């Protein structure tokens, strides 16, 4: 059953199952065959400990997964969760976001592409891809060399690995990155092409697009991508106590909306279905139009 879950979901469930197991041990309850009243007792306890709606909802799903009963579908549990949502409505992580122009202005200084260091071409290519596709670090880390197709108009990248939005009957993700002659300093496709050339002789057994900056230049994962993003954001003055690496997804999609990009195009590019309300609920945020020097001051 757990094979149907993403690693991030399993990690999230584990974080709430540990307290559940401890609770059951103290109360002498059977955590794999609990009574509804026992689950409600646990959820109520966590609620009084200031657990958020999201944490409680994850706990409900996790307990239901390991339980012999359909806890997640019980009417009493559902009513409890509705009550929690009324008392403490789920809040978006950010009420505003930073302007991607700040980052793009910095990336323009990393030019000409052929003469900048391998470190800088790595950071620039990665950040341009994160912003232009509005995808998670997980997606960028999954890109494989043999799934990259370069042609005259641009670059096509097939994501063949399973990702968070993978589902039966849904097409695998395809990233389309056109060459952009009007913005030569920040052309994503050109930066990617130069990165491929510069990394060609450095990588040995690597099958992934991005490799470690330092020798022996091995494959890197989503955590390294996120660390690079945070490094760049911190470098230009964005407060990392308020914004995580994932905030690039909020900023990129919000900027597209502010520039009157069609909503369906935004959803399709970011990997949401046309019926998804995720963008409206959690990602579309007011943009603070500040320059690099003012940004870190105003958001305090």
Foldseek 3Di string as FASTA:
>chain_A
DCVVDDPVLVVLLVVLVVVVVVLCVVVVADLQAGDLVSLVVVLVVVVVVVDALVSSLSPQVSSCVRHPDNSNPDPVSVVVSVVRCVVHNDDFLDQAAAACVQLVVVLLVQDDLLPHDLVSLQLLLLLLVCLVLLEALQQLLQWFPVQWDQDDFFIKGWRPDDDPLDDPPDDGDIATQGADPVCNSNRNRVSLVSSCVVCVVQDDPEGHSAFDPDPNGHRDHSVVSQVSQVVSCVVLQHDCVRDGSSLSSLNSLLVCVVVVNDPCVSCSSHVHHPPDCCCVRHRNHHYDPDHSVCNNVVVD
